[in-house]
Amino acid sequence: MISINYRDSRPIYEQIADSLRIQIAKKLILPDEKLPSVRELASELSINPNTIQRAIRLLEQEGYVYTIAGRGTFAAKIQRDESPRRQELLEKFDELCKELMVYDVTKDELLERIKTMKGAR
């Protein structure tokens, strides 16, 4: 299920890509499973098909999906530990941790927050 938050500062295509990326990484959409068509998603979400296409293109560039002409778009087999998105998120995490440490947030506080998040999974 893809949800769009119109109050989110991120563009809609990024929100759609993020949602699909997470579903693929969590294997809610299985490898080689066919995704709904651009038209189906656009109709379901009541948005312009070009927005969906832009999200799909982004996911193709990142290796999360592949398209077969005349057949559709499918979830790719990804290795979560080798995902470019994983590396990008870890780099952002590092930047955030460094900034939080400037504000005297301790490593123990950061670890406790991570443990709390892991318990919520």
Protein backbone atom coordinates (compact mmCIF):
# COMPACT_ATOMS: atom_id res chain seq x y z
CA MET A 1 0.00 0.00 0.00
CA ILE A 2 1.39 3.35 -1.04
CA SER A 3 0.38 6.42 0.91
CA ILE A 4 1.08 10.01 -0.02
CA ASN A 5 1.49 12.75 2.55
CA TYR A 6 0.72 16.09 0.93
CA ARG A 7 2.26 17.88 3.92
CA ASP A 8 5.59 16.12 3.34
CA SER A 9 8.19 18.44 1.84
CA ARG A 10 9.47 15.65 -0.42
CA PRO A 11 8.07 15.44 -3.95
CA ILE A 12 5.31 12.89 -4.49
CA TYR A 13 7.45 10.76 -6.82
CA GLU A 14 10.06 10.41 -4.04
CA GLN A 15 7.40 9.36 -1.55
CA ILE A 16 6.14 6.73 -4.00
CA ALA A 17 9.68 5.50 -4.69
CA ASP A 18 10.42 5.33 -0.94
CA SER A 19 7.26 3.35 -0.29
CA LEU A 20 7.99 0.84 -3.06
CA ARG A 21 11.67 0.66 -2.05
CA ILE A 22 10.71 -0.26 1.52
CA GLN A 23 8.16 -2.84 0.37
CA ILE A 24 10.76 -4.46 -1.89
CA ALA A 25 13.49 -4.38 0.79
CA LYS A 26 11.12 -5.93 3.36
CA LYS A 27 10.06 -8.50 0.74
CA LEU A 28 6.43 -7.38 0.94
CA ILE A 29 6.83 -7.26 -2.82
CA LEU A 30 8.73 -10.42 -3.71
CA PRO A 31 11.56 -10.64 -6.25
CA ASP A 32 10.24 -10.95 -9.81
CA GLU A 33 6.72 -10.02 -8.65
CA LYS A 34 4.89 -7.80 -11.12
CA LEU A 35 4.08 -4.31 -9.89
CA PRO A 36 0.78 -2.66 -10.78
CA SER A 37 0.93 -0.74 -14.05
CA VAL A 38 1.63 2.99 -14.12
CA ARG A 39 -2.01 3.58 -15.06
CA GLU A 40 -3.30 1.39 -12.24
CA LEU A 41 -1.13 3.15 -9.65
CA ALA A 42 -1.98 6.59 -11.00
CA SER A 43 -5.69 5.78 -10.84
CA GLU A 44 -5.42 4.24 -7.37
CA LEU A 45 -3.50 7.24 -5.99
CA SER A 46 -5.36 9.85 -8.07
CA ILE A 47 -2.16 11.38 -9.40
CA ASN A 48 -0.60 12.03 -12.78
CA PRO A 49 0.88 8.92 -14.47
CA ASN A 50 4.06 10.91 -15.20
CA THR A 51 4.66 11.10 -11.45
CA ILE A 52 4.44 7.32 -11.15
CA GLN A 53 6.71 6.89 -14.17
CA ARG A 54 9.30 9.19 -12.60
CA ALA A 55 9.28 7.08 -9.40
CA ILE A 56 9.64 3.87 -11.43
CA ARG A 57 12.56 5.35 -13.41
CA LEU A 58 14.30 6.26 -10.16
CA LEU A 59 13.82 2.74 -8.80
CA GLU A 60 15.13 1.26 -12.06
CA GLN A 61 18.27 3.40 -11.80
CA GLU A 62 18.77 2.18 -8.23
CA GLY A 63 18.23 -1.47 -9.21
CA TYR A 64 15.03 -2.06 -7.23
CA VAL A 65 12.85 -2.79 -10.27
CA TYR A 66 13.26 -3.80 -13.90
CA THR A 67 10.91 -3.39 -16.83
CA ILE A 68 10.23 -5.84 -19.63
CA ALA A 69 8.69 -4.13 -22.65
CA GLY A 70 5.12 -5.24 -23.16
CA ARG A 71 5.04 -7.22 -19.91
CA GLY A 72 5.43 -4.66 -17.13
CA THR A 73 7.62 -3.69 -14.22
CA PHE A 74 8.90 -6.25 -11.74
CA ALA A 75 10.65 -6.18 -8.36
CA ALA A 76 14.33 -6.99 -8.66
CA LYS A 77 16.24 -9.37 -6.45
CA ILE A 78 18.22 -7.14 -4.14
CA GLN A 79 20.82 -7.87 -1.54
CA ARG A 80 19.84 -5.57 1.31
CA ASP A 81 23.40 -5.45 2.61
CA GLU A 82 24.66 -4.34 -0.83
CA SER A 83 21.87 -1.88 -1.59
CA PRO A 84 22.98 1.60 -2.68
CA ARG A 85 20.08 3.00 -0.66
CA ARG A 86 21.42 1.27 2.46
CA GLN A 87 24.78 2.96 1.99
CA GLU A 88 23.12 6.33 1.38
CA LEU A 89 21.06 5.98 4.58
CA LEU A 90 24.09 4.95 6.63
CA GLU A 91 25.95 8.05 5.43
CA LYS A 92 22.99 10.23 6.44
CA PHE A 93 22.89 8.46 9.79
CA ASP A 94 26.59 9.21 10.32
CA GLU A 95 26.03 12.89 9.54
CA LEU A 96 23.09 13.08 11.95
CA CYS A 97 25.04 11.35 14.72
CA LYS A 98 27.96 13.75 14.31
CA GLU A 99 25.60 16.72 14.52
CA LEU A 100 23.80 15.29 17.55
CA MET A 101 27.13 14.82 19.30
CA VAL A 102 27.80 18.54 18.83
CA TYR A 103 24.68 19.00 20.97
CA ASP A 104 26.16 16.71 23.63
CA VAL A 105 23.99 13.72 22.81
CA THR A 106 25.99 10.77 24.09
CA LYS A 107 26.68 7.50 22.31
CA ASP A 108 24.70 5.75 25.03
CA GLU A 109 21.66 7.95 24.31
CA LEU A 110 21.95 7.17 20.59
CA LEU A 111 22.26 3.43 21.28
CA GLU A 112 19.25 3.52 23.58
CA ARG A 113 17.16 5.17 20.86
CA ILE A 114 18.26 2.52 18.37
CA LYS A 115 17.34 -0.25 20.82
CA THR A 116 13.91 1.36 21.33
CA MET A 117 13.35 1.51 17.55
CA LYS A 118 14.41 -2.13 17.10
CA GLY A 119 11.88 -3.15 19.76
CA ALA A 120 9.14 -1.36 17.80
CA ARG A 121 9.73 -3.51 14.69
